[in-house]
Amino acid sequence: MFYVYVLKSRKDASLYVGYTNDLKRRFEEHNNGKSFATKNKAPFEIVYYEAYQSKSDAKYRETNLKRHSGAYTHLKKRIQNSLIESM
């Protein structure tokens, strides 16, 4: 399985979108400062994820969320209560 995930920083409530084939390992890497993109924002919590059979589908979805603000905005609207309740 491949996963597209959204992390929320407990430090400043910023969001990060990524994809991986091992969600638990990747989450631990983010929280332990082993990811260059997020090392200054730890600790994190997972607020959302999607599972895919295909790596290319997961990568496409991650790219879509990062490059197209409409897709990202739509996702944030869908999970708005999760973003608030996780605070």
PDB file of N, CA and C in Angstrom:
ATOM      1  N   MET A   1       0.831  -1.187   0.000  1.00  0.00           N
ATOM      2  CA  MET A   1       0.000   0.000   0.000  1.00  0.00           C
ATOM      3  C   MET A   1       0.877   1.253   0.000  1.00  0.00           C
ATOM      4  N   PHE A   2       0.337   2.293  -0.563  1.00  0.00           N
ATOM      5  CA  PHE A   2       0.977   3.598  -0.576  1.00  0.00           C
ATOM      6  C   PHE A   2       0.003   4.599   0.017  1.00  0.00           C
ATOM      7  N   TYR A   3       0.529   5.571   0.719  1.00  0.00           N
ATOM      8  CA  TYR A   3      -0.309   6.503   1.464  1.00  0.00           C
ATOM      9  C   TYR A   3       0.024   7.945   1.117  1.00  0.00           C
ATOM     10  N   VAL A   4      -1.023   8.746   0.989  1.00  0.00           N
ATOM     11  CA  VAL A   4      -0.901  10.197   0.922  1.00  0.00           C
ATOM     12  C   VAL A   4      -1.406  10.676   2.274  1.00  0.00           C
ATOM     13  N   TYR A   5      -0.643  11.536   2.928  1.00  0.00           N
ATOM     14  CA  TYR A   5      -1.002  11.924   4.289  1.00  0.00           C
ATOM     15  C   TYR A   5      -0.885  13.425   4.485  1.00  0.00           C
ATOM     16  N   VAL A   6      -1.608  13.892   5.494  1.00  0.00           N
ATOM     17  CA  VAL A   6      -1.531  15.293   5.900  1.00  0.00           C
ATOM     18  C   VAL A   6      -1.132  15.315   7.363  1.00  0.00           C
ATOM     19  N   LEU A   7      -0.036  16.007   7.643  1.00  0.00           N
ATOM     20  CA  LEU A   7       0.427  16.184   9.015  1.00  0.00           C
ATOM     21  C   LEU A   7       0.128  17.600   9.461  1.00  0.00           C
ATOM     22  N   LYS A   8      -0.139  17.737  10.733  1.00  0.00           N
ATOM     23  CA  LYS A   8      -0.343  19.062  11.316  1.00  0.00           C
ATOM     24  C   LYS A   8       0.693  19.254  12.417  1.00  0.00           C
ATOM     25  N   SER A   9       1.416  20.355  12.338  1.00  0.00           N
ATOM     26  CA  SER A   9       2.420  20.665  13.340  1.00  0.00           C
ATOM     27  C   SER A   9       1.742  21.100  14.633  1.00  0.00           C
ATOM     28  N   ARG A  10       2.173  20.532  15.735  1.00  0.00           N
ATOM     29  CA  ARG A  10       1.657  20.968  17.036  1.00  0.00           C
ATOM     30  C   ARG A  10       2.327  22.262  17.474  1.00  0.00           C
ATOM     31  N   LYS A  11       3.394  22.618  16.797  1.00  0.00           N
ATOM     32  CA  LYS A  11       4.140  23.831  17.127  1.00  0.00           C
ATOM     33  C   LYS A  11       3.442  25.080  16.601  1.00  0.00           C
ATOM     34  N   ASP A  12       3.051  25.046  15.324  1.00  0.00           N
ATOM     35  CA  ASP A  12       2.452  26.249  14.727  1.00  0.00           C
ATOM     36  C   ASP A  12       1.217  25.971  13.877  1.00  0.00           C
ATOM     37  N   ALA A  13       0.680  24.767  13.935  1.00  0.00           N
ATOM     38  CA  ALA A  13      -0.538  24.357  13.221  1.00  0.00           C
ATOM     39  C   ALA A  13      -0.386  24.357  11.701  1.00  0.00           C
ATOM     40  N   SER A  14       0.844  24.426  11.182  1.00  0.00           N
ATOM     41  CA  SER A  14       1.030  24.344   9.735  1.00  0.00           C
ATOM     42  C   SER A  14       0.776  22.910   9.275  1.00  0.00           C
ATOM     43  N   LEU A  15       0.425  22.773   7.991  1.00  0.00           N
ATOM     44  CA  LEU A  15       0.121  21.467   7.417  1.00  0.00           C
ATOM     45  C   LEU A  15       1.215  21.052   6.445  1.00  0.00           C
ATOM     46  N   TYR A  16       1.426  19.743   6.339  1.00  0.00           N
ATOM     47  CA  TYR A  16       2.391  19.192   5.402  1.00  0.00           C
ATOM     48  C   TYR A  16       1.751  17.996   4.712  1.00  0.00           C
ATOM     49  N   VAL A  17       1.881  17.906   3.394  1.00  0.00           N
ATOM     50  CA  VAL A  17       1.351  16.795   2.602  1.00  0.00           C
ATOM     51  C   VAL A  17       2.520  15.977   2.086  1.00  0.00           C
ATOM     52  N   GLY A  18       2.409  14.655   2.179  1.00  0.00           N
ATOM     53  CA  GLY A  18       3.448  13.778   1.663  1.00  0.00           C
ATOM     54  C   GLY A  18       2.881  12.443   1.241  1.00  0.00           C
ATOM     55  N   TYR A  19       3.748  11.569   0.721  1.00  0.00           N
ATOM     56  CA  TYR A  19       3.331  10.203   0.404  1.00  0.00           C
ATOM     57  C   TYR A  19       4.440   9.237   0.776  1.00  0.00           C
ATOM     58  N   THR A  20       4.053   7.986   1.054  1.00  0.00           N
ATOM     59  CA  THR A  20       5.007   6.976   1.496  1.00  0.00           C
ATOM     60  C   THR A  20       4.420   5.588   1.313  1.00  0.00           C
ATOM     61  N   ASN A  21       5.263   4.590   1.416  1.00  0.00           N
ATOM     62  CA  ASN A  21       4.769   3.214   1.419  1.00  0.00           C
ATOM     63  C   ASN A  21       4.742   2.640   2.835  1.00  0.00           C
ATOM     64  N   ASP A  22       5.209   3.403   3.809  1.00  0.00           N
ATOM     65  CA  ASP A  22       5.203   2.965   5.208  1.00  0.00           C
ATOM     66  C   ASP A  22       4.845   4.167   6.076  1.00  0.00           C
ATOM     67  N   LEU A  23       3.573   4.316   6.349  1.00  0.00           N
ATOM     68  CA  LEU A  23       3.084   5.506   7.044  1.00  0.00           C
ATOM     69  C   LEU A  23       3.648   5.635   8.458  1.00  0.00           C
ATOM     70  N   LYS A  24       3.707   4.547   9.187  1.00  0.00           N
ATOM     71  CA  LYS A  24       4.231   4.594  10.557  1.00  0.00           C
ATOM     72  C   LYS A  24       5.696   5.044  10.590  1.00  0.00           C
ATOM     73  N   ARG A  25       6.520   4.446   9.740  1.00  0.00           N
ATOM     74  CA  ARG A  25       7.943   4.807   9.680  1.00  0.00           C
ATOM     75  C   ARG A  25       8.110   6.279   9.305  1.00  0.00           C
ATOM     76  N   ARG A  26       7.372   6.715   8.282  1.00  0.00           N
ATOM     77  CA  ARG A  26       7.514   8.092   7.800  1.00  0.00           C
ATOM     78  C   ARG A  26       7.061   9.089   8.858  1.00  0.00           C
ATOM     79  N   PHE A  27       5.989   8.764   9.573  1.00  0.00           N
ATOM     80  CA  PHE A  27       5.504   9.624  10.647  1.00  0.00           C
ATOM     81  C   PHE A  27       6.577   9.770  11.723  1.00  0.00           C
ATOM     82  N   GLU A  28       7.218   8.681  12.087  1.00  0.00           N
ATOM     83  CA  GLU A  28       8.289   8.724  13.081  1.00  0.00           C
ATOM     84  C   GLU A  28       9.475   9.554  12.581  1.00  0.00           C
ATOM     85  N   GLU A  29       9.803   9.440  11.307  1.00  0.00           N
ATOM     86  CA  GLU A  29      10.886  10.243  10.742  1.00  0.00           C
ATOM     87  C   GLU A  29      10.578  11.736  10.839  1.00  0.00           C
ATOM     88  N   HIS A  30       9.349  12.112  10.525  1.00  0.00           N
ATOM     89  CA  HIS A  30       8.965  13.520  10.641  1.00  0.00           C
ATOM     90  C   HIS A  30       9.093  13.997  12.092  1.00  0.00           C
ATOM     91  N   ASN A  31       8.610  13.209  13.016  1.00  0.00           N
ATOM     92  CA  ASN A  31       8.639  13.618  14.422  1.00  0.00           C
ATOM     93  C   ASN A  31      10.027  13.591  15.040  1.00  0.00           C
ATOM     94  N   ASN A  32      10.929  12.810  14.469  1.00  0.00           N
ATOM     95  CA  ASN A  32      12.301  12.736  14.986  1.00  0.00           C
ATOM     96  C   ASN A  32      13.262  13.665  14.263  1.00  0.00           C
ATOM     97  N   GLY A  33      12.740  14.551  13.408  1.00  0.00           N
ATOM     98  CA  GLY A  33      13.576  15.523  12.729  1.00  0.00           C
ATOM     99  C   GLY A  33      14.428  14.959  11.608  1.00  0.00           C
ATOM    100  N   LYS A  34      14.065  13.810  11.061  1.00  0.00           N
ATOM    101  CA  LYS A  34      14.856  13.178  10.008  1.00  0.00           C
ATOM    102  C   LYS A  34      14.407  13.587   8.607  1.00  0.00           C
ATOM    103  N   SER A  35      13.415  14.458   8.526  1.00  0.00           N
ATOM    104  CA  SER A  35      12.956  14.961   7.242  1.00  0.00           C
ATOM    105  C   SER A  35      13.345  16.427   7.131  1.00  0.00           C
ATOM    106  N   PHE A  36      14.125  16.752   6.122  1.00  0.00           N
ATOM    107  CA  PHE A  36      14.609  18.121   5.951  1.00  0.00           C
ATOM    108  C   PHE A  36      13.465  19.126   5.876  1.00  0.00           C
ATOM    109  N   ALA A  37      12.404  18.766   5.154  1.00  0.00           N
ATOM    110  CA  ALA A  37      11.295  19.703   4.918  1.00  0.00           C
ATOM    111  C   ALA A  37      10.522  20.044   6.189  1.00  0.00           C
ATOM    112  N   THR A  38      10.542  19.155   7.173  1.00  0.00           N
ATOM    113  CA  THR A  38       9.697  19.373   8.353  1.00  0.00           C
ATOM    114  C   THR A  38      10.440  19.378   9.685  1.00  0.00           C
ATOM    115  N   LYS A  39      11.744  19.300   9.661  1.00  0.00           N
ATOM    116  CA  LYS A  39      12.473  19.123  10.920  1.00  0.00           C
ATOM    117  C   LYS A  39      12.275  20.253  11.931  1.00  0.00           C
ATOM    118  N   ASN A  40      11.981  21.459  11.468  1.00  0.00           N
ATOM    119  CA  ASN A  40      11.788  22.575  12.396  1.00  0.00           C
ATOM    120  C   ASN A  40      10.345  22.752  12.853  1.00  0.00           C
ATOM    121  N   LYS A  41       9.452  21.885  12.391  1.00  0.00           N
ATOM    122  CA  LYS A  41       8.032  22.009  12.716  1.00  0.00           C
ATOM    123  C   LYS A  41       7.536  20.925  13.668  1.00  0.00           C
ATOM    124  N   ALA A  42       8.355  19.950  14.013  1.00  0.00           N
ATOM    125  CA  ALA A  42       7.948  18.839  14.875  1.00  0.00           C
ATOM    126  C   ALA A  42       7.596  19.351  16.267  1.00  0.00           C
ATOM    127  N   PRO A  43       6.720  18.696  16.956  1.00  0.00           N
ATOM    128  CA  PRO A  43       6.065  17.417  16.680  1.00  0.00           C
ATOM    129  C   PRO A  43       4.828  17.577  15.799  1.00  0.00           C
ATOM    130  N   PHE A  44       4.416  16.439  15.214  1.00  0.00           N
ATOM    131  CA  PHE A  44       3.284  16.396  14.300  1.00  0.00           C
ATOM    132  C   PHE A  44       2.237  15.414  14.777  1.00  0.00           C
ATOM    133  N   GLU A  45       1.064  15.557  14.183  1.00  0.00           N
ATOM    134  CA  GLU A  45       0.033  14.546  14.305  1.00  0.00           C
ATOM    135  C   GLU A  45      -0.533  14.318  12.910  1.00  0.00           C
ATOM    136  N   ILE A  46      -0.963  13.087  12.647  1.00  0.00           N
ATOM    137  CA  ILE A  46      -1.595  12.776  11.367  1.00  0.00           C
ATOM    138  C   ILE A  46      -3.057  13.174  11.478  1.00  0.00           C
ATOM    139  N   VAL A  47      -3.502  14.045  10.586  1.00  0.00           N
ATOM    140  CA  VAL A  47      -4.898  14.459  10.602  1.00  0.00           C
ATOM    141  C   VAL A  47      -5.702  13.824   9.476  1.00  0.00           C
ATOM    142  N   TYR A  48      -5.005  13.238   8.479  1.00  0.00           N
ATOM    143  CA  TYR A  48      -5.715  12.646   7.350  1.00  0.00           C
ATOM    144  C   TYR A  48      -4.753  11.780   6.551  1.00  0.00           C
ATOM    145  N   TYR A  49      -5.279  10.690   5.985  1.00  0.00           N
ATOM    146  CA  TYR A  49      -4.500   9.918   5.025  1.00  0.00           C
ATOM    147  C   TYR A  49      -5.425   9.169   4.079  1.00  0.00           C
ATOM    148  N   GLU A  50      -4.892   8.848   2.909  1.00  0.00           N
ATOM    149  CA  GLU A  50      -5.574   8.059   1.895  1.00  0.00           C
ATOM    150  C   GLU A  50      -4.657   6.902   1.530  1.00  0.00           C
ATOM    151  N   ALA A  51      -5.227   5.735   1.246  1.00  0.00           N
ATOM    152  CA  ALA A  51      -4.444   4.556   0.879  1.00  0.00           C
ATOM    153  C   ALA A  51      -4.671   4.217  -0.588  1.00  0.00           C
ATOM    154  N   TYR A  52      -3.585   3.832  -1.275  1.00  0.00           N
ATOM    155  CA  TYR A  52      -3.623   3.481  -2.687  1.00  0.00           C
ATOM    156  C   TYR A  52      -2.866   2.174  -2.912  1.00  0.00           C
ATOM    157  N   GLN A  53      -3.326   1.373  -3.858  1.00  0.00           N
ATOM    158  CA  GLN A  53      -2.606   0.162  -4.261  1.00  0.00           C
ATOM    159  C   GLN A  53      -1.403   0.522  -5.126  1.00  0.00           C
ATOM    160  N   SER A  54      -1.541   1.585  -5.879  1.00  0.00           N
ATOM    161  CA  SER A  54      -0.529   1.962  -6.864  1.00  0.00           C
ATOM    162  C   SER A  54       0.325   3.138  -6.375  1.00  0.00           C
ATOM    163  N   LYS A  55       1.630   2.995  -6.505  1.00  0.00           N
ATOM    164  CA  LYS A  55       2.542   4.077  -6.155  1.00  0.00           C
ATOM    165  C   LYS A  55       2.288   5.294  -7.035  1.00  0.00           C
ATOM    166  N   SER A  56       2.061   5.068  -8.310  1.00  0.00           N
ATOM    167  CA  SER A  56       1.852   6.199  -9.224  1.00  0.00           C
ATOM    168  C   SER A  56       0.577   6.964  -8.889  1.00  0.00           C
ATOM    169  N   ASP A  57      -0.469   6.275  -8.433  1.00  0.00           N
ATOM    170  CA  ASP A  57      -1.695   6.968  -8.017  1.00  0.00           C
ATOM    171  C   ASP A  57      -1.445   7.838  -6.790  1.00  0.00           C
ATOM    172  N   ALA A  58      -0.699   7.311  -5.827  1.00  0.00           N
ATOM    173  CA  ALA A  58      -0.393   8.072  -4.611  1.00  0.00           C
ATOM    174  C   ALA A  58       0.474   9.285  -4.936  1.00  0.00           C
ATOM    175  N   LYS A  59       1.477   9.096  -5.759  1.00  0.00           N
ATOM    176  CA  LYS A  59       2.359  10.198  -6.140  1.00  0.00           C
ATOM    177  C   LYS A  59       1.584  11.269  -6.911  1.00  0.00           C
ATOM    178  N   TYR A  60       0.687  10.840  -7.791  1.00  0.00           N
ATOM    179  CA  TYR A  60      -0.138  11.781  -8.549  1.00  0.00           C
ATOM    180  C   TYR A  60      -1.012  12.604  -7.603  1.00  0.00           C
ATOM    181  N   ARG A  61      -1.616  11.948  -6.630  1.00  0.00           N
ATOM    182  CA  ARG A  61      -2.479  12.648  -5.671  1.00  0.00           C
ATOM    183  C   ARG A  61      -1.680  13.646  -4.835  1.00  0.00           C
ATOM    184  N   GLU A  62      -0.498  13.244  -4.370  1.00  0.00           N
ATOM    185  CA  GLU A  62       0.344  14.151  -3.595  1.00  0.00           C
ATOM    186  C   GLU A  62       0.715  15.374  -4.438  1.00  0.00           C
ATOM    187  N   THR A  63       1.131  15.144  -5.664  1.00  0.00           N
ATOM    188  CA  THR A  63       1.502  16.233  -6.558  1.00  0.00           C
ATOM    189  C   THR A  63       0.314  17.145  -6.817  1.00  0.00           C
ATOM    190  N   ASN A  64      -0.843  16.555  -7.011  1.00  0.00           N
ATOM    191  CA  ASN A  64      -2.058  17.330  -7.246  1.00  0.00           C
ATOM    192  C   ASN A  64      -2.349  18.241  -6.056  1.00  0.00           C
ATOM    193  N   LEU A  65      -2.232  17.722  -4.843  1.00  0.00           N
ATOM    194  CA  LEU A  65      -2.498  18.522  -3.641  1.00  0.00           C
ATOM    195  C   LEU A  65      -1.460  19.628  -3.463  1.00  0.00           C
ATOM    196  N   LYS A  66      -0.222  19.368  -3.822  1.00  0.00           N
ATOM    197  CA  LYS A  66       0.832  20.360  -3.635  1.00  0.00           C
ATOM    198  C   LYS A  66       0.842  21.434  -4.712  1.00  0.00           C
ATOM    199  N   ARG A  67       0.461  21.089  -5.926  1.00  0.00           N
ATOM    200  CA  ARG A  67       0.561  22.038  -7.043  1.00  0.00           C
ATOM    201  C   ARG A  67      -0.729  22.770  -7.375  1.00  0.00           C
ATOM    202  N   HIS A  68      -1.858  22.215  -6.965  1.00  0.00           N
ATOM    203  CA  HIS A  68      -3.141  22.807  -7.343  1.00  0.00           C
ATOM    204  C   HIS A  68      -3.885  23.255  -6.087  1.00  0.00           C
ATOM    205  N   SER A  69      -3.928  24.530  -5.887  1.00  0.00           N
ATOM    206  CA  SER A  69      -4.516  25.065  -4.663  1.00  0.00           C
ATOM    207  C   SER A  69      -5.976  24.682  -4.512  1.00  0.00           C
ATOM    208  N   GLY A  70      -6.693  24.494  -5.613  1.00  0.00           N
ATOM    209  CA  GLY A  70      -8.103  24.111  -5.534  1.00  0.00           C
ATOM    210  C   GLY A  70      -8.280  22.746  -4.887  1.00  0.00           C
ATOM    211  N   ALA A  71      -7.432  21.788  -5.251  1.00  0.00           N
ATOM    212  CA  ALA A  71      -7.499  20.445  -4.666  1.00  0.00           C
ATOM    213  C   ALA A  71      -7.164  20.496  -3.175  1.00  0.00           C
ATOM    214  N   TYR A  72      -6.151  21.266  -2.838  1.00  0.00           N
ATOM    215  CA  TYR A  72      -5.729  21.412  -1.441  1.00  0.00           C
ATOM    216  C   TYR A  72      -6.818  22.095  -0.613  1.00  0.00           C
ATOM    217  N   THR A  73      -7.407  23.145  -1.154  1.00  0.00           N
ATOM    218  CA  THR A  73      -8.477  23.867  -0.468  1.00  0.00           C
ATOM    219  C   THR A  73      -9.685  22.962  -0.271  1.00  0.00           C
ATOM    220  N   HIS A  74     -10.032  22.189  -1.290  1.00  0.00           N
ATOM    221  CA  HIS A  74     -11.162  21.269  -1.179  1.00  0.00           C
ATOM    222  C   HIS A  74     -10.910  20.231  -0.080  1.00  0.00           C
ATOM    223  N   LEU A  75      -9.714  19.692  -0.022  1.00  0.00           N
ATOM    224  CA  LEU A  75      -9.385  18.715   1.017  1.00  0.00           C
ATOM    225  C   LEU A  75      -9.502  19.354   2.396  1.00  0.00           C
ATOM    226  N   LYS A  76      -8.978  20.562   2.555  1.00  0.00           N
ATOM    227  CA  LYS A  76      -9.049  21.229   3.862  1.00  0.00           C
ATOM    228  C   LYS A  76     -10.503  21.468   4.282  1.00  0.00           C
ATOM    229  N   LYS A  77     -11.377  21.753   3.336  1.00  0.00           N
ATOM    230  CA  LYS A  77     -12.795  21.914   3.657  1.00  0.00           C
ATOM    231  C   LYS A  77     -13.405  20.592   4.097  1.00  0.00           C
ATOM    232  N   ARG A  78     -13.009  19.496   3.423  1.00  0.00           N
ATOM    233  CA  ARG A  78     -13.540  18.171   3.776  1.00  0.00           C
ATOM    234  C   ARG A  78     -13.120  17.739   5.166  1.00  0.00           C
ATOM    235  N   ILE A  79     -11.934  18.157   5.601  1.00  0.00           N
ATOM    236  CA  ILE A  79     -11.418  17.703   6.905  1.00  0.00           C
ATOM    237  C   ILE A  79     -11.369  18.833   7.928  1.00  0.00           C
ATOM    238  N   GLN A  80     -12.144  19.881   7.711  1.00  0.00           N
ATOM    239  CA  GLN A  80     -12.054  21.059   8.570  1.00  0.00           C
ATOM    240  C   GLN A  80     -12.289  20.738  10.045  1.00  0.00           C
ATOM    241  N   ASN A  81     -13.200  19.842  10.363  1.00  0.00           N
ATOM    242  CA  ASN A  81     -13.435  19.515  11.769  1.00  0.00           C
ATOM    243  C   ASN A  81     -12.266  18.743  12.364  1.00  0.00           C
ATOM    244  N   SER A  82     -11.629  17.913  11.582  1.00  0.00           N
ATOM    245  CA  SER A  82     -10.435  17.197  12.055  1.00  0.00           C
ATOM    246  C   SER A  82      -9.302  18.154  12.328  1.00  0.00           C
ATOM    247  N   LEU A  83      -9.188  19.189  11.530  1.00  0.00           N
ATOM    248  CA  LEU A  83      -8.131  20.187  11.744  1.00  0.00           C
ATOM    249  C   LEU A  83      -8.375  20.971  13.025  1.00  0.00           C
ATOM    250  N   ILE A  84      -9.624  21.263  13.327  1.00  0.00           N
ATOM    251  CA  ILE A  84      -9.970  22.028  14.533  1.00  0.00           C
ATOM    252  C   ILE A  84      -9.859  21.136  15.773  1.00  0.00           C
ATOM    253  N   GLU A  85     -10.416  19.933  15.705  1.00  0.00           N
ATOM    254  CA  GLU A  85     -10.447  19.051  16.870  1.00  0.00           C
ATOM    255  C   GLU A  85      -9.082  18.538  17.260  1.00  0.00           C
ATOM    256  N   SER A  86      -8.133  18.570  16.345  1.00  0.00           N
ATOM    257  CA  SER A  86      -6.806  18.062  16.669  1.00  0.00           C
ATOM    258  C   SER A  86      -5.962  19.061  17.448  1.00  0.00           C
ATOM    259  N   MET A  87      -6.475  20.264  17.647  1.00  0.00           N
ATOM    260  CA  MET A  87      -5.708  21.289  18.355  1.00  0.00           C
ATOM    261  C   MET A  87      -5.631  21.023  19.812  1.00  0.00           C
TER     262      MET A  87
END
